[in-house]
PDB file of all heavy atoms in Angstrom:
ATOM      1  N   LYS A   1     254.449 -87.262 -92.089  1.00  0.00           N
ATOM      2  CA  LYS A   1     254.544 -87.189 -90.656  1.00  0.00           C
ATOM      3  C   LYS A   1     254.661 -88.554 -89.992  1.00  0.00           C
ATOM      4  O   LYS A   1     254.021 -89.519 -90.404  1.00  0.00           O
ATOM      5  CB  LYS A   1     253.315 -86.476 -90.114  1.00  0.00           C
ATOM      6  CG  LYS A   1     253.171 -85.039 -90.607  1.00  0.00           C
ATOM      7  CD  LYS A   1     251.932 -84.370 -90.026  1.00  0.00           C
ATOM      8  CE  LYS A   1     251.800 -82.925 -90.488  1.00  0.00           C
ATOM      9  NZ  LYS A   1     250.520 -82.307 -89.989  1.00  0.00           N
ATOM     10  N   ALA A   2     255.520 -88.628 -88.927  1.00  0.00           N
ATOM     11  CA  ALA A   2     255.647 -89.814 -88.178  1.00  0.00           C
ATOM     12  C   ALA A   2     254.354 -90.082 -87.383  1.00  0.00           C
ATOM     13  O   ALA A   2     253.837 -89.183 -86.735  1.00  0.00           O
ATOM     14  CB  ALA A   2     256.841 -89.780 -87.234  1.00  0.00           C
ATOM     15  N   ILE A   3     253.872 -91.307 -87.473  1.00  0.00           N
ATOM     16  CA  ILE A   3     252.606 -91.671 -86.800  1.00  0.00           C
ATOM     17  C   ILE A   3     252.908 -92.657 -85.687  1.00  0.00           C
ATOM     18  O   ILE A   3     253.482 -93.683 -85.867  1.00  0.00           O
ATOM     19  CB  ILE A   3     251.617 -92.299 -87.785  1.00  0.00           C
ATOM     20  CG1 ILE A   3     251.342 -91.309 -88.918  1.00  0.00           C
ATOM     21  CG2 ILE A   3     250.354 -92.682 -87.087  1.00  0.00           C
ATOM     22  CD1 ILE A   3     250.696 -90.021 -88.517  1.00  0.00           C
ATOM     23  N   SER A   4     252.426 -92.296 -84.452  1.00  0.00           N
ATOM     24  CA  SER A   4     252.561 -93.192 -83.325  1.00  0.00           C
ATOM     25  C   SER A   4     251.179 -93.527 -82.763  1.00  0.00           C
ATOM     26  O   SER A   4     251.141 -94.395 -81.846  1.00  0.00           O
ATOM     27  CB  SER A   4     253.470 -92.612 -82.250  1.00  0.00           C
ATOM     28  OG  SER A   4     254.786 -92.459 -82.771  1.00  0.00           O
ATOM     29  N   GLY A   5     250.163 -92.832 -83.172  1.00  0.00           N
ATOM     30  CA  GLY A   5     248.824 -93.011 -82.601  1.00  0.00           C
ATOM     31  C   GLY A   5     248.578 -92.293 -81.332  1.00  0.00           C
ATOM     32  O   GLY A   5     249.466 -91.593 -80.803  1.00  0.00           O
ATOM     33  N   HIS A   6     247.332 -92.367 -80.862  1.00  0.00           N
ATOM     34  CA  HIS A   6     246.947 -91.576 -79.690  1.00  0.00           C
ATOM     35  C   HIS A   6     247.656 -91.996 -78.411  1.00  0.00           C
ATOM     36  O   HIS A   6     248.019 -91.164 -77.535  1.00  0.00           O
ATOM     37  CB  HIS A   6     245.452 -91.685 -79.471  1.00  0.00           C
ATOM     38  CG  HIS A   6     244.929 -90.943 -78.299  1.00  0.00           C
ATOM     39  ND1 HIS A   6     244.728 -89.559 -78.415  1.00  0.00           N
ATOM     40  CD2 HIS A   6     244.558 -91.286 -77.040  1.00  0.00           C
ATOM     41  CE1 HIS A   6     244.291 -89.085 -77.252  1.00  0.00           C
ATOM     42  NE2 HIS A   6     244.196 -90.126 -76.416  1.00  0.00           N
ATOM     43  N   HIS A   7     247.942 -93.337 -78.301  1.00  0.00           N
ATOM     44  CA  HIS A   7     248.557 -93.832 -77.062  1.00  0.00           C
ATOM     45  C   HIS A   7     250.037 -94.159 -77.230  1.00  0.00           C
ATOM     46  O   HIS A   7     250.655 -94.726 -76.321  1.00  0.00           O
ATOM     47  CB  HIS A   7     247.859 -95.102 -76.562  1.00  0.00           C
ATOM     48  CG  HIS A   7     246.395 -94.841 -76.222  1.00  0.00           C
ATOM     49  ND1 HIS A   7     245.414 -95.102 -77.146  1.00  0.00           N
ATOM     50  CD2 HIS A   7     245.799 -94.396 -75.099  1.00  0.00           C
ATOM     51  CE1 HIS A   7     244.221 -94.826 -76.591  1.00  0.00           C
ATOM     52  NE2 HIS A   7     244.431 -94.386 -75.359  1.00  0.00           N
ATOM     53  N   GLY A   8     250.594 -93.873 -78.407  1.00  0.00           N
ATOM     54  CA  GLY A   8     251.989 -94.141 -78.614  1.00  0.00           C
ATOM     55  C   GLY A   8     252.310 -95.534 -79.100  1.00  0.00           C
ATOM     56  O   GLY A   8     253.464 -95.949 -79.206  1.00  0.00           O
ATOM     57  N   ILE A   9     251.271 -96.339 -79.395  1.00  0.00           N
ATOM     58  CA  ILE A   9     251.554 -97.781 -79.793  1.00  0.00           C
ATOM     59  C   ILE A   9     251.132 -98.033 -81.213  1.00  0.00           C
ATOM     60  O   ILE A   9     251.088 -99.160 -81.675  1.00  0.00           O
ATOM     61  CB  ILE A   9     250.810 -98.758 -78.857  1.00  0.00           C
ATOM     62  CG1 ILE A   9     249.322 -98.473 -78.882  1.00  0.00           C
ATOM     63  CG2 ILE A   9     251.356 -98.612 -77.456  1.00  0.00           C
ATOM     64  CD1 ILE A   9     248.511 -99.539 -78.080  1.00  0.00           C
ATOM     65  N   GLY A  10     250.835 -96.966 -81.989  1.00  0.00           N
ATOM     66  CA  GLY A  10     250.373 -97.152 -83.402  1.00  0.00           C
ATOM     67  C   GLY A  10     251.331 -97.705 -84.360  1.00  0.00           C
ATOM     68  O   GLY A  10     250.925 -98.233 -85.380  1.00  0.00           O
ATOM     69  N   SER A  11     252.599 -97.690 -84.025  1.00  0.00           N
ATOM     70  CA  SER A  11     253.607 -98.221 -85.018  1.00  0.00           C
ATOM     71  C   SER A  11     254.230 -99.509 -84.523  1.00  0.00           C
ATOM     72  O   SER A  11     255.233 -99.920 -85.063  1.00  0.00           O
ATOM     73  CB  SER A  11     254.676 -97.166 -85.233  1.00  0.00           C
ATOM     74  OG  SER A  11     255.385 -96.868 -84.050  1.00  0.00           O
ATOM     75  N   GLU A  12     253.604-100.161 -83.546  1.00  0.00           N
ATOM     76  CA  GLU A  12     254.204-101.417 -83.071  1.00  0.00           C
ATOM     77  C   GLU A  12     253.841-102.590 -83.962  1.00  0.00           C
ATOM     78  O   GLU A  12     253.127-103.488 -83.603  1.00  0.00           O
ATOM     79  CB  GLU A  12     253.713-101.653 -81.643  1.00  0.00           C
ATOM     80  CG  GLU A  12     254.240-100.709 -80.574  1.00  0.00           C
ATOM     81  CD  GLU A  12     255.742-100.937 -80.320  1.00  0.00           C
ATOM     82  OE1 GLU A  12     256.233-102.082 -80.525  1.00  0.00           O
ATOM     83  OE2 GLU A  12     256.404-100.023 -79.922  1.00  0.00           O
ATOM     84  N   LEU A  13     254.410-102.512 -85.169  1.00  0.00           N
ATOM     85  CA  LEU A  13     254.102-103.519 -86.185  1.00  0.00           C
ATOM     86  C   LEU A  13     254.602-104.933 -85.856  1.00  0.00           C
ATOM     87  O   LEU A  13     254.065-105.906 -86.310  1.00  0.00           O
ATOM     88  CB  LEU A  13     254.742-103.093 -87.567  1.00  0.00           C
ATOM     89  CG  LEU A  13     254.225-101.722 -88.059  1.00  0.00           C
ATOM     90  CD1 LEU A  13     254.921-101.369 -89.337  1.00  0.00           C
ATOM     91  CD2 LEU A  13     252.680-101.782 -88.288  1.00  0.00           C
ATOM     92  N   GLY A  14     255.605-104.988 -84.978  1.00  0.00           N
ATOM     93  CA  GLY A  14     256.103-106.313 -84.551  1.00  0.00           C
ATOM     94  C   GLY A  14     255.103-107.049 -83.760  1.00  0.00           C
ATOM     95  O   GLY A  14     255.317-108.290 -83.530  1.00  0.00           O
ATOM     96  N   HIS A  15     254.015-106.373 -83.302  1.00  0.00           N
ATOM     97  CA  HIS A  15     253.062-107.122 -82.458  1.00  0.00           C
ATOM     98  C   HIS A  15     251.718-107.329 -83.199  1.00  0.00           C
ATOM     99  O   HIS A  15     250.722-107.665 -82.537  1.00  0.00           O
ATOM    100  CB  HIS A  15     252.831-106.340 -81.193  1.00  0.00           C
ATOM    101  CG  HIS A  15     254.057-106.351 -80.306  1.00  0.00           C
ATOM    102  ND1 HIS A  15     254.511-107.473 -79.692  1.00  0.00           N
ATOM    103  CD2 HIS A  15     254.906-105.348 -79.986  1.00  0.00           C
ATOM    104  CE1 HIS A  15     255.605-107.196 -79.000  1.00  0.00           C
ATOM    105  NE2 HIS A  15     255.901-105.904 -79.172  1.00  0.00           N
ATOM    106  N   MET A  16     251.686-107.271 -84.549  1.00  0.00           N
ATOM    107  CA  MET A  16     250.556-107.730 -85.248  1.00  0.00           C
ATOM    108  C   MET A  16     250.562-109.295 -85.247  1.00  0.00           C
ATOM    109  O   MET A  16     251.632-109.898 -85.332  1.00  0.00           O
ATOM    110  CB  MET A  16     250.525-107.205 -86.687  1.00  0.00           C
ATOM    111  CG  MET A  16     251.506-107.860 -87.628  1.00  0.00           C
ATOM    112  SD  MET A  16     251.276-107.351 -89.355  1.00  0.00           S
ATOM    113  CE  MET A  16     252.150-105.774 -89.379  1.00  0.00           C
ATOM    114  N   ILE A  17     249.400-109.880 -85.162  1.00  0.00           N
ATOM    115  CA  ILE A  17     249.321-111.322 -85.148  1.00  0.00           C
ATOM    116  C   ILE A  17     249.353-111.847 -86.562  1.00  0.00           C
ATOM    117  O   ILE A  17     248.565-111.408 -87.448  1.00  0.00           O
ATOM    118  CB  ILE A  17     247.980-111.803 -84.442  1.00  0.00           C
ATOM    119  CG1 ILE A  17     247.958-111.266 -83.026  1.00  0.00           C
ATOM    120  CG2 ILE A  17     247.874-113.333 -84.489  1.00  0.00           C
ATOM    121  CD1 ILE A  17     248.974-111.823 -82.098  1.00  0.00           C
ATOM    122  N   VAL A  18     250.247-112.760 -86.848  1.00  0.00           N
ATOM    123  CA  VAL A  18     250.399-113.314 -88.239  1.00  0.00           C
ATOM    124  C   VAL A  18     250.240-114.863 -88.240  1.00  0.00           C
ATOM    125  O   VAL A  18     250.249-115.428 -89.311  1.00  0.00           O
ATOM    126  CB  VAL A  18     251.737-112.895 -88.867  1.00  0.00           C
ATOM    127  CG1 VAL A  18     251.807-111.386 -89.058  1.00  0.00           C
ATOM    128  CG2 VAL A  18     252.892-113.352 -87.998  1.00  0.00           C
ATOM    129  N   GLY A  19     250.147-115.472 -87.135  1.00  0.00           N
ATOM    130  CA  GLY A  19     250.020-116.955 -87.110  1.00  0.00           C
ATOM    131  C   GLY A  19     250.079-117.477 -85.711  1.00  0.00           C
ATOM    132  O   GLY A  19     250.029-116.737 -84.737  1.00  0.00           O
ATOM    133  N   GLU A  20     250.214-118.782 -85.569  1.00  0.00           N
ATOM    134  CA  GLU A  20     250.400-119.432 -84.275  1.00  0.00           C
ATOM    135  C   GLU A  20     251.884-119.752 -84.082  1.00  0.00           C
ATOM    136  O   GLU A  20     252.437-120.520 -84.884  1.00  0.00           O
ATOM    137  CB  GLU A  20     249.522-120.667 -84.165  1.00  0.00           C
ATOM    138  CG  GLU A  20     249.540-121.302 -82.797  1.00  0.00           C
ATOM    139  CD  GLU A  20     248.585-122.452 -82.666  1.00  0.00           C
ATOM    140  OE1 GLU A  20     247.693-122.619 -83.576  1.00  0.00           O
ATOM    141  OE2 GLU A  20     248.626-123.175 -81.700  1.00  0.00           O
ATOM    142  N   GLY A  21     252.488-119.202 -83.067  1.00  0.00           N
ATOM    143  CA  GLY A  21     253.918-119.335 -82.916  1.00  0.00           C
ATOM    144  C   GLY A  21     254.354-120.471 -81.972  1.00  0.00           C
ATOM    145  O   GLY A  21     253.532-121.114 -81.312  1.00  0.00           O
ATOM    146  N   LEU A  22     255.681-120.760 -82.004  1.00  0.00           N
ATOM    147  CA  LEU A  22     256.227-121.795 -81.104  1.00  0.00           C
ATOM    148  C   LEU A  22     256.251-121.345 -79.695  1.00  0.00           C
ATOM    149  O   LEU A  22     256.337-122.178 -78.802  1.00  0.00           O
ATOM    150  CB  LEU A  22     257.651-122.133 -81.590  1.00  0.00           C
ATOM    151  CG  LEU A  22     257.802-122.881 -82.964  1.00  0.00           C
ATOM    152  CD1 LEU A  22     259.274-122.972 -83.317  1.00  0.00           C
ATOM    153  CD2 LEU A  22     257.142-124.205 -82.871  1.00  0.00           C
ATOM    154  N   TYR A  23     256.321-120.016 -79.427  1.00  0.00           N
ATOM    155  CA  TYR A  23     256.439-119.532 -78.084  1.00  0.00           C
ATOM    156  C   TYR A  23     255.677-118.206 -78.019  1.00  0.00           C
ATOM    157  O   TYR A  23     255.386-117.557 -79.001  1.00  0.00           O
ATOM    158  CB  TYR A  23     257.878-119.306 -77.697  1.00  0.00           C
ATOM    159  CG  TYR A  23     258.623-118.306 -78.564  1.00  0.00           C
ATOM    160  CD1 TYR A  23     258.734-116.973 -78.123  1.00  0.00           C
ATOM    161  CD2 TYR A  23     259.248-118.663 -79.760  1.00  0.00           C
ATOM    162  CE1 TYR A  23     259.422-116.086 -78.862  1.00  0.00           C
ATOM    163  CE2 TYR A  23     259.898-117.741 -80.518  1.00  0.00           C
ATOM    164  CZ  TYR A  23     260.020-116.451 -80.086  1.00  0.00           C
ATOM    165  OH  TYR A  23     260.654-115.508 -80.828  1.00  0.00           O
ATOM    166  N   ASP A  24     255.355-117.827 -76.807  1.00  0.00           N
ATOM    167  CA  ASP A  24     254.613-116.594 -76.593  1.00  0.00           C
ATOM    168  C   ASP A  24     255.579-115.362 -76.681  1.00  0.00           C
ATOM    169  O   ASP A  24     256.707-115.457 -76.329  1.00  0.00           O
ATOM    170  CB  ASP A  24     253.945-116.518 -75.233  1.00  0.00           C
ATOM    171  CG  ASP A  24     252.744-117.471 -75.148  1.00  0.00           C
ATOM    172  OD1 ASP A  24     252.261-117.938 -76.188  1.00  0.00           O
ATOM    173  OD2 ASP A  24     252.345-117.801 -74.019  1.00  0.00           O
ATOM    174  N   CYS A  25     255.022-114.298 -77.177  1.00  0.00           N
ATOM    175  CA  CYS A  25     255.786-113.028 -77.273  1.00  0.00           C
ATOM    176  C   CYS A  25     255.967-112.368 -75.871  1.00  0.00           C
ATOM    177  O   CYS A  25     255.255-112.723 -74.959  1.00  0.00           O
ATOM    178  CB  CYS A  25     255.059-112.118 -78.210  1.00  0.00           C
ATOM    179  SG  CYS A  25     255.878-110.496 -78.461  1.00  0.00           S
ATOM    180  N   ASN A  26     256.985-111.524 -75.767  1.00  0.00           N
ATOM    181  CA  ASN A  26     257.132-110.785 -74.492  1.00  0.00           C
ATOM    182  C   ASN A  26     255.984-109.979 -74.108  1.00  0.00           C
ATOM    183  O   ASN A  26     255.795-109.616 -72.886  1.00  0.00           O
ATOM    184  CB  ASN A  26     258.403-109.905 -74.576  1.00  0.00           C
ATOM    185  CG  ASN A  26     259.671-110.666 -74.562  1.00  0.00           C
ATOM    186  OD1 ASN A  26     259.720-111.761 -73.974  1.00  0.00           O
ATOM    187  ND2 ASN A  26     260.730-110.124 -75.091  1.00  0.00           N
ATOM    188  N   CYS A  27     255.114-109.635 -75.080  1.00  0.00           N
ATOM    189  CA  CYS A  27     253.921-108.848 -74.779  1.00  0.00           C
ATOM    190  C   CYS A  27     252.823-109.696 -74.118  1.00  0.00           C
ATOM    191  O   CYS A  27     251.849-109.195 -73.651  1.00  0.00           O
ATOM    192  CB  CYS A  27     253.392-108.168 -76.038  1.00  0.00           C
ATOM    193  SG  CYS A  27     252.507-109.313 -77.163  1.00  0.00           S
ATOM    194  N   GLY A  28     253.018-111.038 -74.153  1.00  0.00           N
ATOM    195  CA  GLY A  28     252.089-111.921 -73.446  1.00  0.00           C
ATOM    196  C   GLY A  28     251.137-112.643 -74.443  1.00  0.00           C
ATOM    197  O   GLY A  28     250.430-113.593 -74.036  1.00  0.00           O
ATOM    198  N   ARG A  29     251.173-112.269 -75.699  1.00  0.00           N
ATOM    199  CA  ARG A  29     250.342-112.916 -76.684  1.00  0.00           C
ATOM    200  C   ARG A  29     251.104-113.939 -77.512  1.00  0.00           C
ATOM    201  O   ARG A  29     252.318-113.991 -77.471  1.00  0.00           O
ATOM    202  CB  ARG A  29     249.693-111.892 -77.620  1.00  0.00           C
ATOM    203  CG  ARG A  29     248.914-110.781 -76.856  1.00  0.00           C
ATOM    204  CD  ARG A  29     248.126-109.945 -77.843  1.00  0.00           C
ATOM    205  NE  ARG A  29     249.021-109.278 -78.809  1.00  0.00           N
ATOM    206  CZ  ARG A  29     248.608-108.653 -79.881  1.00  0.00           C
ATOM    207  NH1 ARG A  29     247.296-108.594 -80.138  1.00  0.00           N
ATOM    208  NH2 ARG A  29     249.466-108.058 -80.690  1.00  0.00           N
ATOM    209  N   ASN A  30     250.388-114.768 -78.261  1.00  0.00           N
ATOM    210  CA  ASN A  30     251.032-115.667 -79.166  1.00  0.00           C
ATOM    211  C   ASN A  30     250.718-115.333 -80.603  1.00  0.00           C
ATOM    212  O   ASN A  30     249.586-114.919 -80.936  1.00  0.00           O
ATOM    213  CB  ASN A  30     250.487-117.121 -78.924  1.00  0.00           C
ATOM    214  CG  ASN A  30     251.246-118.192 -79.747  1.00  0.00           C
ATOM    215  OD1 ASN A  30     251.025-118.390 -80.896  1.00  0.00           O
ATOM    216  ND2 ASN A  30     252.189-118.848 -79.039  1.00  0.00           N
ATOM    217  N   GLY A  31     251.731-115.396 -81.476  1.00  0.00           N
ATOM    218  CA  GLY A  31     251.551-115.153 -82.858  1.00  0.00           C
ATOM    219  C   GLY A  31     251.981-113.862 -83.378  1.00  0.00           C
ATOM    220  O   GLY A  31     251.779-113.485 -84.582  1.00  0.00           O
ATOM    221  N   CYS A  32     252.671-113.060 -82.578  1.00  0.00           N
ATOM    222  CA  CYS A  32     253.194-111.767 -83.012  1.00  0.00           C
ATOM    223  C   CYS A  32     254.250-111.934 -84.097  1.00  0.00           C
ATOM    224  O   CYS A  32     255.047-112.857 -84.083  1.00  0.00           O
ATOM    225  CB  CYS A  32     253.787-110.976 -81.834  1.00  0.00           C
ATOM    226  SG  CYS A  32     252.608-110.386 -80.620  1.00  0.00           S
ATOM    227  N   LEU A  33     254.248-111.011 -85.040  1.00  0.00           N
ATOM    228  CA  LEU A  33     255.224-111.011 -86.117  1.00  0.00           C
ATOM    229  C   LEU A  33     256.635-111.144 -85.588  1.00  0.00           C
ATOM    230  O   LEU A  33     257.509-111.861 -86.092  1.00  0.00           O
ATOM    231  CB  LEU A  33     255.151-109.733 -86.924  1.00  0.00           C
ATOM    232  CG  LEU A  33     256.087-109.531 -88.080  1.00  0.00           C
ATOM    233  CD1 LEU A  33     255.855-110.568 -89.182  1.00  0.00           C
ATOM    234  CD2 LEU A  33     255.979-108.110 -88.631  1.00  0.00           C
ATOM    235  N   GLU A  34     256.903-110.515 -84.415  1.00  0.00           N
ATOM    236  CA  GLU A  34     258.253-110.556 -83.763  1.00  0.00           C
ATOM    237  C   GLU A  34     258.694-111.960 -83.451  1.00  0.00           C
ATOM    238  O   GLU A  34     259.881-112.288 -83.492  1.00  0.00           O
ATOM    239  CB  GLU A  34     258.196-109.701 -82.523  1.00  0.00           C
ATOM    240  CG  GLU A  34     259.482-109.578 -81.774  1.00  0.00           C
ATOM    241  CD  GLU A  34     259.430-108.499 -80.673  1.00  0.00           C
ATOM    242  OE1 GLU A  34     259.241-107.300 -81.050  1.00  0.00           O
ATOM    243  OE2 GLU A  34     259.548-108.849 -79.525  1.00  0.00           O
ATOM    244  N   THR A  35     257.726-112.848 -83.183  1.00  0.00           N
ATOM    245  CA  THR A  35     258.071-114.219 -82.835  1.00  0.00           C
ATOM    246  C   THR A  35     258.319-115.088 -84.039  1.00  0.00           C
ATOM    247  O   THR A  35     258.518-116.309 -83.867  1.00  0.00           O
ATOM    248  CB  THR A  35     257.014-114.847 -81.902  1.00  0.00           C
ATOM    249  OG1 THR A  35     255.772-114.960 -82.656  1.00  0.00           O
ATOM    250  CG2 THR A  35     256.793-114.026 -80.656  1.00  0.00           C
ATOM    251  N   PHE A  36     258.276-114.547 -85.238  1.00  0.00           N
ATOM    252  CA  PHE A  36     258.515-115.287 -86.455  1.00  0.00           C
ATOM    253  C   PHE A  36     259.765-114.679 -87.239  1.00  0.00           C
ATOM    254  O   PHE A  36     260.469-115.455 -87.855  1.00  0.00           O
ATOM    255  CB  PHE A  36     257.328-115.231 -87.405  1.00  0.00           C
ATOM    256  CG  PHE A  36     256.168-116.016 -86.930  1.00  0.00           C
ATOM    257  CD1 PHE A  36     255.181-115.425 -86.171  1.00  0.00           C
ATOM    258  CD2 PHE A  36     256.027-117.370 -87.178  1.00  0.00           C
ATOM    259  CE1 PHE A  36     254.067-116.140 -85.730  1.00  0.00           C
ATOM    260  CE2 PHE A  36     254.968-118.160 -86.778  1.00  0.00           C
ATOM    261  CZ  PHE A  36     253.968-117.512 -86.028  1.00  0.00           C
ATOM    262  N   VAL A  37     260.028-113.395 -87.127  1.00  0.00           N
ATOM    263  CA  VAL A  37     260.968-112.817 -88.067  1.00  0.00           C
ATOM    264  C   VAL A  37     262.127-112.085 -87.345  1.00  0.00           C
ATOM    265  O   VAL A  37     262.964-111.504 -88.045  1.00  0.00           O
ATOM    266  CB  VAL A  37     260.279-111.881 -89.065  1.00  0.00           C
ATOM    267  CG1 VAL A  37     259.158-112.555 -89.787  1.00  0.00           C
ATOM    268  CG2 VAL A  37     259.764-110.624 -88.424  1.00  0.00           C
ATOM    269  N   SER A  38     262.139-112.045 -86.020  1.00  0.00           N
ATOM    270  CA  SER A  38     263.281-111.406 -85.329  1.00  0.00           C
ATOM    271  C   SER A  38     264.447-112.344 -85.291  1.00  0.00           C
ATOM    272  O   SER A  38     264.348-113.546 -85.555  1.00  0.00           O
ATOM    273  CB  SER A  38     262.833-111.025 -83.915  1.00  0.00           C
ATOM    274  OG  SER A  38     262.568-112.234 -83.166  1.00  0.00           O
ATOM    275  N   SER A  39     265.628-111.870 -84.842  1.00  0.00           N
ATOM    276  CA  SER A  39     266.750-112.742 -84.730  1.00  0.00           C
ATOM    277  C   SER A  39     266.516-113.768 -83.630  1.00  0.00           C
ATOM    278  O   SER A  39     266.902-114.945 -83.799  1.00  0.00           O
ATOM    279  CB  SER A  39     268.051-111.868 -84.413  1.00  0.00           C
ATOM    280  OG  SER A  39     267.862-111.168 -83.244  1.00  0.00           O
TER     281      SER A  39
END
């Protein structure tokens, strides 16, 4: 079964923190996976 969680954000894997990034993510935090591995 596809899992999205109670609030619909359970699969937002791009926003797990993996380190300290060069710039802040669009979500407002620093270190999101998206800020290291996206195009």
